[in-house]
Structure formats: C-alpha cells, structure tokens
Amino acid sequence: MKELDAKEFKENYQKDEKAVLIDVRSPEEEIDGKIENSINLNIMEQAFPARIMDLDKSKNYYVYCRSGARSATACQFMERQGFYAVNLRGGIIAWKEMNNEC
C-alpha cells in the first residue's frame, strides 16, 4: 500500500489528473474539517464494500480518515479489488498540522 505524508499526498493528488479524494470517516466527523472536493464513503457502513466496487477502477484514489488507520484499511481493501489507492499518513490530523489549522 502506498502511504504518503500530508505534503506528498497533497502534491501527488493535485498533479494527478485521475485523482479522486475519499474520506472514509463518518459524516459526523466532518465537523472536524475535511479536504476540499473529497467524497465521503464511511468505512464503518455495511455498504462500504459495495460502494467501493461501484467506483471507476481507471481513477486513482487518495484516501484519508482521522489518523490514517481506517484509511489504511480502506486502501488495502481497495488494492485487493484492483484499485490504485494512496493513504494519507496521519490522516486529517496531519493535514491540518501541515496547513496550520490546529
């Protein structure tokens, strides 16, 4: 599984024409902030695997959660299904630190 720190993650998805941002947290957690243009696919929902399988395998998925653990699990699942997925190491916490939003 590919895992990048916040700076590398941002640089990679911004220059990737096939990038799709996925937030795997619960919708309630978005109160803590989210990355602009990300879609929410809650990993804790029973429908998560089916929702992943509906995605376009020709795209590149940049995945995050609060701290990076759930998104790592999501990326591993996605890769087993044939998707290209990149995990944000440290999650939205690291993202906010990089952007001085703490």
PDB file of N, CA and C in Angstrom:
ATOM      1  N   MET A   1       0.849  -1.189   0.000  1.00  0.00           N
ATOM      2  CA  MET A   1       0.000   0.000   0.000  1.00  0.00           C
ATOM      3  C   MET A   1       0.887   1.242   0.000  1.00  0.00           C
ATOM      4  N   LYS A   2       0.550   2.171  -0.850  1.00  0.00           N
ATOM      5  CA  LYS A   2       1.294   3.423  -0.898  1.00  0.00           C
ATOM      6  C   LYS A   2       0.764   4.353   0.193  1.00  0.00           C
ATOM      7  N   GLU A   3       1.681   4.945   0.935  1.00  0.00           N
ATOM      8  CA  GLU A   3       1.308   5.847   2.017  1.00  0.00           C
ATOM      9  C   GLU A   3       2.205   7.078   1.929  1.00  0.00           C
ATOM     10  N   LEU A   4       1.596   8.253   1.977  1.00  0.00           N
ATOM     11  CA  LEU A   4       2.349   9.495   1.850  1.00  0.00           C
ATOM     12  C   LEU A   4       2.063  10.414   3.023  1.00  0.00           C
ATOM     13  N   ASP A   5       3.063  11.238   3.384  1.00  0.00           N
ATOM     14  CA  ASP A   5       2.793  12.246   4.401  1.00  0.00           C
ATOM     15  C   ASP A   5       1.920  13.334   3.778  1.00  0.00           C
ATOM     16  N   ALA A   6       1.445  14.243   4.587  1.00  0.00           N
ATOM     17  CA  ALA A   6       0.463  15.239   4.136  1.00  0.00           C
ATOM     18  C   ALA A   6       0.969  16.063   2.947  1.00  0.00           C
ATOM     19  N   LYS A   7       2.214  16.499   2.999  1.00  0.00           N
ATOM     20  CA  LYS A   7       2.764  17.329   1.917  1.00  0.00           C
ATOM     21  C   LYS A   7       2.825  16.538   0.608  1.00  0.00           C
ATOM     22  N   GLU A   8       3.348  15.317   0.660  1.00  0.00           N
ATOM     23  CA  GLU A   8       3.449  14.482  -0.539  1.00  0.00           C
ATOM     24  C   GLU A   8       2.058  14.110  -1.071  1.00  0.00           C
ATOM     25  N   PHE A   9       1.148  13.808  -0.154  1.00  0.00           N
ATOM     26  CA  PHE A   9      -0.220  13.454  -0.519  1.00  0.00           C
ATOM     27  C   PHE A   9      -0.854  14.598  -1.310  1.00  0.00           C
ATOM     28  N   LYS A  10      -0.743  15.810  -0.794  1.00  0.00           N
ATOM     29  CA  LYS A  10      -1.327  16.983  -1.455  1.00  0.00           C
ATOM     30  C   LYS A  10      -0.683  17.214  -2.821  1.00  0.00           C
ATOM     31  N   GLU A  11       0.635  17.162  -2.873  1.00  0.00           N
ATOM     32  CA  GLU A  11       1.338  17.372  -4.139  1.00  0.00           C
ATOM     33  C   GLU A  11       0.929  16.334  -5.183  1.00  0.00           C
ATOM     34  N   ASN A  12       0.846  15.078  -4.759  1.00  0.00           N
ATOM     35  CA  ASN A  12       0.509  13.999  -5.686  1.00  0.00           C
ATOM     36  C   ASN A  12      -0.912  14.115  -6.215  1.00  0.00           C
ATOM     37  N   TYR A  13      -1.895  14.318  -5.328  1.00  0.00           N
ATOM     38  CA  TYR A  13      -3.271  14.354  -5.837  1.00  0.00           C
ATOM     39  C   TYR A  13      -3.533  15.615  -6.646  1.00  0.00           C
ATOM     40  N   GLN A  14      -2.858  16.717  -6.334  1.00  0.00           N
ATOM     41  CA  GLN A  14      -3.086  17.941  -7.109  1.00  0.00           C
ATOM     42  C   GLN A  14      -2.568  17.836  -8.535  1.00  0.00           C
ATOM     43  N   LYS A  15      -1.530  17.054  -8.751  1.00  0.00           N
ATOM     44  CA  LYS A  15      -0.988  16.934 -10.114  1.00  0.00           C
ATOM     45  C   LYS A  15      -1.522  15.703 -10.847  1.00  0.00           C
ATOM     46  N   ASP A  16      -2.304  14.889 -10.166  1.00  0.00           N
ATOM     47  CA  ASP A  16      -2.847  13.662 -10.745  1.00  0.00           C
ATOM     48  C   ASP A  16      -4.199  13.937 -11.387  1.00  0.00           C
ATOM     49  N   GLU A  17      -4.242  13.873 -12.707  1.00  0.00           N
ATOM     50  CA  GLU A  17      -5.489  14.172 -13.436  1.00  0.00           C
ATOM     51  C   GLU A  17      -6.577  13.143 -13.180  1.00  0.00           C
ATOM     52  N   LYS A  18      -6.199  11.972 -12.670  1.00  0.00           N
ATOM     53  CA  LYS A  18      -7.174  10.912 -12.409  1.00  0.00           C
ATOM     54  C   LYS A  18      -7.484  10.776 -10.906  1.00  0.00           C
ATOM     55  N   ALA A  19      -7.130  11.795 -10.129  1.00  0.00           N
ATOM     56  CA  ALA A  19      -7.278  11.727  -8.673  1.00  0.00           C
ATOM     57  C   ALA A  19      -8.719  11.905  -8.216  1.00  0.00           C
ATOM     58  N   VAL A  20      -9.086  11.094  -7.224  1.00  0.00           N
ATOM     59  CA  VAL A  20     -10.362  11.218  -6.515  1.00  0.00           C
ATOM     60  C   VAL A  20     -10.031  11.132  -5.028  1.00  0.00           C
ATOM     61  N   LEU A  21     -10.507  12.103  -4.254  1.00  0.00           N
ATOM     62  CA  LEU A  21     -10.282  12.115  -2.812  1.00  0.00           C
ATOM     63  C   LEU A  21     -11.435  11.421  -2.100  1.00  0.00           C
ATOM     64  N   ILE A  22     -11.095  10.508  -1.189  1.00  0.00           N
ATOM     65  CA  ILE A  22     -12.124   9.799  -0.431  1.00  0.00           C
ATOM     66  C   ILE A  22     -11.855   9.956   1.064  1.00  0.00           C
ATOM     67  N   ASP A  23     -12.884  10.388   1.775  1.00  0.00           N
ATOM     68  CA  ASP A  23     -12.874  10.497   3.231  1.00  0.00           C
ATOM     69  C   ASP A  23     -13.653   9.297   3.757  1.00  0.00           C
ATOM     70  N   VAL A  24     -12.993   8.407   4.512  1.00  0.00           N
ATOM     71  CA  VAL A  24     -13.669   7.205   4.989  1.00  0.00           C
ATOM     72  C   VAL A  24     -14.217   7.349   6.416  1.00  0.00           C
ATOM     73  N   ARG A  25     -14.211   8.566   6.945  1.00  0.00           N
ATOM     74  CA  ARG A  25     -14.769   8.805   8.280  1.00  0.00           C
ATOM     75  C   ARG A  25     -16.294   8.838   8.216  1.00  0.00           C
ATOM     76  N   SER A  26     -16.904   8.847   9.382  1.00  0.00           N
ATOM     77  CA  SER A  26     -18.357   9.002   9.439  1.00  0.00           C
ATOM     78  C   SER A  26     -18.697  10.450   9.074  1.00  0.00           C
ATOM     79  N   PRO A  27     -19.886  10.698   8.544  1.00  0.00           N
ATOM     80  CA  PRO A  27     -20.266  12.069   8.196  1.00  0.00           C
ATOM     81  C   PRO A  27     -20.191  13.019   9.396  1.00  0.00           C
ATOM     82  N   GLU A  28     -20.451  12.507  10.593  1.00  0.00           N
ATOM     83  CA  GLU A  28     -20.389  13.346  11.796  1.00  0.00           C
ATOM     84  C   GLU A  28     -18.973  13.865  12.055  1.00  0.00           C
ATOM     85  N   GLU A  29     -17.988  13.107  11.645  1.00  0.00           N
ATOM     86  CA  GLU A  29     -16.599  13.516  11.874  1.00  0.00           C
ATOM     87  C   GLU A  29     -16.163  14.668  10.975  1.00  0.00           C
ATOM     88  N   GLU A  30     -16.915  14.941   9.936  1.00  0.00           N
ATOM     89  CA  GLU A  30     -16.556  16.038   9.031  1.00  0.00           C
ATOM     90  C   GLU A  30     -16.599  17.401   9.723  1.00  0.00           C
ATOM     91  N   ILE A  31     -17.241  17.455  10.871  1.00  0.00           N
ATOM     92  CA  ILE A  31     -17.268  18.692  11.660  1.00  0.00           C
ATOM     93  C   ILE A  31     -15.839  19.133  11.972  1.00  0.00           C
ATOM     94  N   ASP A  32     -14.936  18.161  12.133  1.00  0.00           N
ATOM     95  CA  ASP A  32     -13.534  18.446  12.442  1.00  0.00           C
ATOM     96  C   ASP A  32     -12.767  18.945  11.227  1.00  0.00           C
ATOM     97  N   GLY A  33     -13.433  19.044  10.094  1.00  0.00           N
ATOM     98  CA  GLY A  33     -12.801  19.514   8.870  1.00  0.00           C
ATOM     99  C   GLY A  33     -12.678  18.404   7.856  1.00  0.00           C
ATOM    100  N   LYS A  34     -12.571  18.789   6.606  1.00  0.00           N
ATOM    101  CA  LYS A  34     -12.395  17.828   5.524  1.00  0.00           C
ATOM    102  C   LYS A  34     -11.564  18.471   4.434  1.00  0.00           C
ATOM    103  N   ILE A  35     -11.034  17.649   3.568  1.00  0.00           N
ATOM    104  CA  ILE A  35     -10.259  18.149   2.440  1.00  0.00           C
ATOM    105  C   ILE A  35     -11.241  18.485   1.327  1.00  0.00           C
ATOM    106  N   GLU A  36     -11.084  19.669   0.796  1.00  0.00           N
ATOM    107  CA  GLU A  36     -11.992  20.157  -0.245  1.00  0.00           C
ATOM    108  C   GLU A  36     -12.100  19.160  -1.399  1.00  0.00           C
ATOM    109  N   ASN A  37     -13.302  18.998  -1.889  1.00  0.00           N
ATOM    110  CA  ASN A  37     -13.641  18.132  -3.020  1.00  0.00           C
ATOM    111  C   ASN A  37     -13.552  16.633  -2.718  1.00  0.00           C
ATOM    112  N   SER A  38     -13.461  16.265  -1.446  1.00  0.00           N
ATOM    113  CA  SER A  38     -13.446  14.835  -1.130  1.00  0.00           C
ATOM    114  C   SER A  38     -14.875  14.316  -1.013  1.00  0.00           C
ATOM    115  N   ILE A  39     -15.026  13.026  -1.325  1.00  0.00           N
ATOM    116  CA  ILE A  39     -16.324  12.376  -1.177  1.00  0.00           C
ATOM    117  C   ILE A  39     -16.275  11.496   0.066  1.00  0.00           C
ATOM    118  N   ASN A  40     -17.401  11.362   0.737  1.00  0.00           N
ATOM    119  CA  ASN A  40     -17.439  10.558   1.948  1.00  0.00           C
ATOM    120  C   ASN A  40     -17.962   9.167   1.635  1.00  0.00           C
ATOM    121  N   LEU A  41     -17.161   8.153   1.975  1.00  0.00           N
ATOM    122  CA  LEU A  41     -17.560   6.748   1.907  1.00  0.00           C
ATOM    123  C   LEU A  41     -17.192   6.144   3.267  1.00  0.00           C
ATOM    124  N   ASN A  42     -18.126   6.156   4.189  1.00  0.00           N
ATOM    125  CA  ASN A  42     -17.892   5.739   5.564  1.00  0.00           C
ATOM    126  C   ASN A  42     -17.507   4.261   5.628  1.00  0.00           C
ATOM    127  N   ILE A  43     -16.285   3.992   6.052  1.00  0.00           N
ATOM    128  CA  ILE A  43     -15.795   2.617   6.121  1.00  0.00           C
ATOM    129  C   ILE A  43     -16.566   1.776   7.137  1.00  0.00           C
ATOM    130  N   MET A  44     -17.241   2.410   8.077  1.00  0.00           N
ATOM    131  CA  MET A  44     -17.976   1.682   9.111  1.00  0.00           C
ATOM    132  C   MET A  44     -19.368   1.244   8.644  1.00  0.00           C
ATOM    133  N   GLU A  45     -19.807   1.715   7.491  1.00  0.00           N
ATOM    134  CA  GLU A  45     -21.115   1.322   6.977  1.00  0.00           C
ATOM    135  C   GLU A  45     -21.034  -0.063   6.339  1.00  0.00           C
ATOM    136  N   GLN A  46     -22.077  -0.827   6.505  1.00  0.00           N
ATOM    137  CA  GLN A  46     -22.136  -2.169   5.930  1.00  0.00           C
ATOM    138  C   GLN A  46     -22.010  -2.126   4.400  1.00  0.00           C
ATOM    139  N   ALA A  47     -22.488  -1.048   3.795  1.00  0.00           N
ATOM    140  CA  ALA A  47     -22.477  -0.926   2.333  1.00  0.00           C
ATOM    141  C   ALA A  47     -21.119  -0.478   1.777  1.00  0.00           C
ATOM    142  N   PHE A  48     -20.135  -0.238   2.642  1.00  0.00           N
ATOM    143  CA  PHE A  48     -18.845   0.275   2.175  1.00  0.00           C
ATOM    144  C   PHE A  48     -18.231  -0.567   1.049  1.00  0.00           C
ATOM    145  N   PRO A  49     -18.115  -1.896   1.201  1.00  0.00           N
ATOM    146  CA  PRO A  49     -17.503  -2.683   0.105  1.00  0.00           C
ATOM    147  C   PRO A  49     -18.242  -2.530  -1.221  1.00  0.00           C
ATOM    148  N   ALA A  50     -19.560  -2.519  -1.170  1.00  0.00           N
ATOM    149  CA  ALA A  50     -20.343  -2.378  -2.406  1.00  0.00           C
ATOM    150  C   ALA A  50     -20.143  -0.996  -3.017  1.00  0.00           C
ATOM    151  N   ARG A  51     -20.068   0.022  -2.166  1.00  0.00           N
ATOM    152  CA  ARG A  51     -19.856   1.387  -2.676  1.00  0.00           C
ATOM    153  C   ARG A  51     -18.484   1.514  -3.326  1.00  0.00           C
ATOM    154  N   ILE A  52     -17.494   0.852  -2.758  1.00  0.00           N
ATOM    155  CA  ILE A  52     -16.156   0.860  -3.360  1.00  0.00           C
ATOM    156  C   ILE A  52     -16.200   0.197  -4.733  1.00  0.00           C
ATOM    157  N   MET A  53     -16.885  -0.919  -4.824  1.00  0.00           N
ATOM    158  CA  MET A  53     -16.938  -1.664  -6.089  1.00  0.00           C
ATOM    159  C   MET A  53     -17.660  -0.881  -7.190  1.00  0.00           C
ATOM    160  N   ASP A  54     -18.443   0.133  -6.822  1.00  0.00           N
ATOM    161  CA  ASP A  54     -19.113   0.984  -7.805  1.00  0.00           C
ATOM    162  C   ASP A  54     -18.180   2.051  -8.382  1.00  0.00           C
ATOM    163  N   LEU A  55     -16.998   2.204  -7.795  1.00  0.00           N
ATOM    164  CA  LEU A  55     -16.064   3.236  -8.252  1.00  0.00           C
ATOM    165  C   LEU A  55     -15.382   2.819  -9.556  1.00  0.00           C
ATOM    166  N   ASP A  56     -14.850   3.810 -10.248  1.00  0.00           N
ATOM    167  CA  ASP A  56     -14.159   3.635 -11.525  1.00  0.00           C
ATOM    168  C   ASP A  56     -12.715   3.192 -11.274  1.00  0.00           C
ATOM    169  N   LYS A  57     -12.352   2.004 -11.707  1.00  0.00           N
ATOM    170  CA  LYS A  57     -11.001   1.486 -11.487  1.00  0.00           C
ATOM    171  C   LYS A  57      -9.939   2.209 -12.309  1.00  0.00           C
ATOM    172  N   SER A  58     -10.340   3.043 -13.243  1.00  0.00           N
ATOM    173  CA  SER A  58      -9.354   3.796 -14.018  1.00  0.00           C
ATOM    174  C   SER A  58      -8.891   5.060 -13.287  1.00  0.00           C
ATOM    175  N   LYS A  59      -9.511   5.359 -12.160  1.00  0.00           N
ATOM    176  CA  LYS A  59      -9.147   6.537 -11.360  1.00  0.00           C
ATOM    177  C   LYS A  59      -8.120   6.155 -10.300  1.00  0.00           C
ATOM    178  N   ASN A  60      -7.475   7.167  -9.726  1.00  0.00           N
ATOM    179  CA  ASN A  60      -6.521   6.981  -8.630  1.00  0.00           C
ATOM    180  C   ASN A  60      -7.152   7.576  -7.369  1.00  0.00           C
ATOM    181  N   TYR A  61      -7.215   6.785  -6.313  1.00  0.00           N
ATOM    182  CA  TYR A  61      -7.927   7.175  -5.102  1.00  0.00           C
ATOM    183  C   TYR A  61      -6.966   7.558  -3.987  1.00  0.00           C
ATOM    184  N   TYR A  62      -7.178   8.744  -3.458  1.00  0.00           N
ATOM    185  CA  TYR A  62      -6.398   9.292  -2.356  1.00  0.00           C
ATOM    186  C   TYR A  62      -7.326   9.297  -1.150  1.00  0.00           C
ATOM    187  N   VAL A  63      -6.973   8.495  -0.144  1.00  0.00           N
ATOM    188  CA  VAL A  63      -7.894   8.145   0.930  1.00  0.00           C
ATOM    189  C   VAL A  63      -7.386   8.670   2.271  1.00  0.00           C
ATOM    190  N   TYR A  64      -8.310   9.204   3.072  1.00  0.00           N
ATOM    191  CA  TYR A  64      -7.934   9.679   4.398  1.00  0.00           C
ATOM    192  C   TYR A  64      -9.039   9.447   5.414  1.00  0.00           C
ATOM    193  N   CYS A  65      -8.633   9.496   6.678  1.00  0.00           N
ATOM    194  CA  CYS A  65      -9.563   9.412   7.806  1.00  0.00           C
ATOM    195  C   CYS A  65      -9.036  10.376   8.873  1.00  0.00           C
ATOM    196  N   ARG A  66      -9.309  10.104  10.119  1.00  0.00           N
ATOM    197  CA  ARG A  66      -8.860  10.994  11.186  1.00  0.00           C
ATOM    198  C   ARG A  66      -7.344  10.891  11.395  1.00  0.00           C
ATOM    199  N   SER A  67      -6.841   9.650  11.567  1.00  0.00           N
ATOM    200  CA  SER A  67      -5.430   9.488  11.908  1.00  0.00           C
ATOM    201  C   SER A  67      -4.638   8.625  10.925  1.00  0.00           C
ATOM    202  N   GLY A  68      -5.309   8.021   9.971  1.00  0.00           N
ATOM    203  CA  GLY A  68      -4.630   7.210   8.968  1.00  0.00           C
ATOM    204  C   GLY A  68      -4.852   5.714   9.100  1.00  0.00           C
ATOM    205  N   ALA A  69      -5.450   5.258  10.190  1.00  0.00           N
ATOM    206  CA  ALA A  69      -5.641   3.819  10.399  1.00  0.00           C
ATOM    207  C   ALA A  69      -6.785   3.254   9.554  1.00  0.00           C
ATOM    208  N   ARG A  70      -7.962   3.870   9.636  1.00  0.00           N
ATOM    209  CA  ARG A  70      -9.103   3.378   8.844  1.00  0.00           C
ATOM    210  C   ARG A  70      -8.843   3.527   7.362  1.00  0.00           C
ATOM    211  N   SER A  71      -8.190   4.621   6.974  1.00  0.00           N
ATOM    212  CA  SER A  71      -7.903   4.815   5.549  1.00  0.00           C
ATOM    213  C   SER A  71      -6.874   3.788   5.060  1.00  0.00           C
ATOM    214  N   ALA A  72      -5.947   3.365   5.922  1.00  0.00           N
ATOM    215  CA  ALA A  72      -5.001   2.317   5.539  1.00  0.00           C
ATOM    216  C   ALA A  72      -5.757   1.012   5.277  1.00  0.00           C
ATOM    217  N   THR A  73      -6.716   0.692   6.145  1.00  0.00           N
ATOM    218  CA  THR A  73      -7.547  -0.499   5.955  1.00  0.00           C
ATOM    219  C   THR A  73      -8.326  -0.400   4.650  1.00  0.00           C
ATOM    220  N   ALA A  74      -8.894   0.784   4.386  1.00  0.00           N
ATOM    221  CA  ALA A  74      -9.653   1.002   3.152  1.00  0.00           C
ATOM    222  C   ALA A  74      -8.754   0.829   1.929  1.00  0.00           C
ATOM    223  N   CYS A  75      -7.557   1.380   1.976  1.00  0.00           N
ATOM    224  CA  CYS A  75      -6.621   1.266   0.855  1.00  0.00           C
ATOM    225  C   CYS A  75      -6.243  -0.188   0.599  1.00  0.00           C
ATOM    226  N   GLN A  76      -6.002  -0.937   1.659  1.00  0.00           N
ATOM    227  CA  GLN A  76      -5.661  -2.346   1.497  1.00  0.00           C
ATOM    228  C   GLN A  76      -6.812  -3.096   0.830  1.00  0.00           C
ATOM    229  N   PHE A  77      -8.033  -2.836   1.274  1.00  0.00           N
ATOM    230  CA  PHE A  77      -9.205  -3.466   0.665  1.00  0.00           C
ATOM    231  C   PHE A  77      -9.302  -3.075  -0.809  1.00  0.00           C
ATOM    232  N   MET A  78      -9.148  -1.783  -1.088  1.00  0.00           N
ATOM    233  CA  MET A  78      -9.263  -1.298  -2.462  1.00  0.00           C
ATOM    234  C   MET A  78      -8.208  -1.938  -3.365  1.00  0.00           C
ATOM    235  N   GLU A  79      -6.984  -2.035  -2.880  1.00  0.00           N
ATOM    236  CA  GLU A  79      -5.926  -2.639  -3.684  1.00  0.00           C
ATOM    237  C   GLU A  79      -6.225  -4.108  -3.985  1.00  0.00           C
ATOM    238  N   ARG A  80      -6.785  -4.830  -3.019  1.00  0.00           N
ATOM    239  CA  ARG A  80      -7.147  -6.233  -3.262  1.00  0.00           C
ATOM    240  C   ARG A  80      -8.226  -6.356  -4.328  1.00  0.00           C
ATOM    241  N   GLN A  81      -9.010  -5.290  -4.514  1.00  0.00           N
ATOM    242  CA  GLN A  81     -10.079  -5.287  -5.517  1.00  0.00           C
ATOM    243  C   GLN A  81      -9.607  -4.721  -6.859  1.00  0.00           C
ATOM    244  N   GLY A  82      -8.337  -4.344  -6.949  1.00  0.00           N
ATOM    245  CA  GLY A  82      -7.789  -3.868  -8.212  1.00  0.00           C
ATOM    246  C   GLY A  82      -7.756  -2.362  -8.394  1.00  0.00           C
ATOM    247  N   PHE A  83      -7.965  -1.613  -7.321  1.00  0.00           N
ATOM    248  CA  PHE A  83      -7.911  -0.152  -7.377  1.00  0.00           C
ATOM    249  C   PHE A  83      -6.511   0.338  -7.020  1.00  0.00           C
ATOM    250  N   TYR A  84      -6.176   1.532  -7.511  1.00  0.00           N
ATOM    251  CA  TYR A  84      -4.955   2.217  -7.077  1.00  0.00           C
ATOM    252  C   TYR A  84      -5.372   3.155  -5.956  1.00  0.00           C
ATOM    253  N   ALA A  85      -4.800   2.952  -4.756  1.00  0.00           N
ATOM    254  CA  ALA A  85      -5.194   3.755  -3.601  1.00  0.00           C
ATOM    255  C   ALA A  85      -3.958   4.210  -2.832  1.00  0.00           C
ATOM    256  N   VAL A  86      -4.008   5.462  -2.373  1.00  0.00           N
ATOM    257  CA  VAL A  86      -2.920   6.070  -1.610  1.00  0.00           C
ATOM    258  C   VAL A  86      -3.479   6.520  -0.266  1.00  0.00           C
ATOM    259  N   ASN A  87      -2.795   6.161   0.801  1.00  0.00           N
ATOM    260  CA  ASN A  87      -3.220   6.536   2.143  1.00  0.00           C
ATOM    261  C   ASN A  87      -2.520   7.806   2.607  1.00  0.00           C
ATOM    262  N   LEU A  88      -3.273   8.676   3.290  1.00  0.00           N
ATOM    263  CA  LEU A  88      -2.710   9.872   3.921  1.00  0.00           C
ATOM    264  C   LEU A  88      -2.216   9.473   5.309  1.00  0.00           C
ATOM    265  N   ARG A  89      -0.898   9.352   5.468  1.00  0.00           N
ATOM    266  CA  ARG A  89      -0.304   9.005   6.756  1.00  0.00           C
ATOM    267  C   ARG A  89      -0.618  10.125   7.767  1.00  0.00           C
ATOM    268  N   GLY A  90      -1.210   9.747   8.881  1.00  0.00           N
ATOM    269  CA  GLY A  90      -1.551  10.732   9.911  1.00  0.00           C
ATOM    270  C   GLY A  90      -2.923  11.341   9.728  1.00  0.00           C
ATOM    271  N   GLY A  91      -3.595  11.036   8.612  1.00  0.00           N
ATOM    272  CA  GLY A  91      -4.967  11.481   8.372  1.00  0.00           C
ATOM    273  C   GLY A  91      -5.169  12.985   8.383  1.00  0.00           C
ATOM    274  N   ILE A  92      -6.422  13.369   8.666  1.00  0.00           N
ATOM    275  CA  ILE A  92      -6.787  14.789   8.664  1.00  0.00           C
ATOM    276  C   ILE A  92      -6.027  15.551   9.746  1.00  0.00           C
ATOM    277  N   ILE A  93      -5.594  14.844  10.788  1.00  0.00           N
ATOM    278  CA  ILE A  93      -4.790  15.490  11.834  1.00  0.00           C
ATOM    279  C   ILE A  93      -3.498  16.021  11.232  1.00  0.00           C
ATOM    280  N   ALA A  94      -2.795  15.185  10.470  1.00  0.00           N
ATOM    281  CA  ALA A  94      -1.551  15.606   9.825  1.00  0.00           C
ATOM    282  C   ALA A  94      -1.811  16.686   8.782  1.00  0.00           C
ATOM    283  N   TRP A  95      -2.931  16.554   8.060  1.00  0.00           N
ATOM    284  CA  TRP A  95      -3.294  17.538   7.040  1.00  0.00           C
ATOM    285  C   TRP A  95      -3.474  18.923   7.673  1.00  0.00           C
ATOM    286  N   LYS A  96      -4.193  18.959   8.788  1.00  0.00           N
ATOM    287  CA  LYS A  96      -4.442  20.227   9.469  1.00  0.00           C
ATOM    288  C   LYS A  96      -3.147  20.804  10.035  1.00  0.00           C
ATOM    289  N   GLU A  97      -2.282  19.955  10.542  1.00  0.00           N
ATOM    290  CA  GLU A  97      -0.978  20.433  11.042  1.00  0.00           C
ATOM    291  C   GLU A  97      -0.155  21.043   9.917  1.00  0.00           C
ATOM    292  N   MET A  98      -0.167  20.394   8.753  1.00  0.00           N
ATOM    293  CA  MET A  98       0.586  20.889   7.608  1.00  0.00           C
ATOM    294  C   MET A  98       0.053  22.275   7.195  1.00  0.00           C
ATOM    295  N   ASN A  99      -1.245  22.447   7.281  1.00  0.00           N
ATOM    296  CA  ASN A  99      -1.874  23.703   6.883  1.00  0.00           C
ATOM    297  C   ASN A  99      -2.067  24.670   8.045  1.00  0.00           C
ATOM    298  N   ASN A 100      -1.447  24.357   9.181  1.00  0.00           N
ATOM    299  CA  ASN A 100      -1.523  25.204  10.391  1.00  0.00           C
ATOM    300  C   ASN A 100      -2.948  25.518  10.805  1.00  0.00           C
ATOM    301  N   GLU A 101      -3.800  24.503  10.766  1.00  0.00           N
ATOM    302  CA  GLU A 101      -5.201  24.689  11.118  1.00  0.00           C
ATOM    303  C   GLU A 101      -5.513  24.198  12.530  1.00  0.00           C
ATOM    304  N   CYS A 102      -4.497  23.850  13.306  1.00  0.00           N
ATOM    305  CA  CYS A 102      -4.747  23.324  14.650  1.00  0.00           C
ATOM    306  C   CYS A 102      -4.998  24.440  15.652  1.00  0.00           C
TER     307      CYS A 102
END
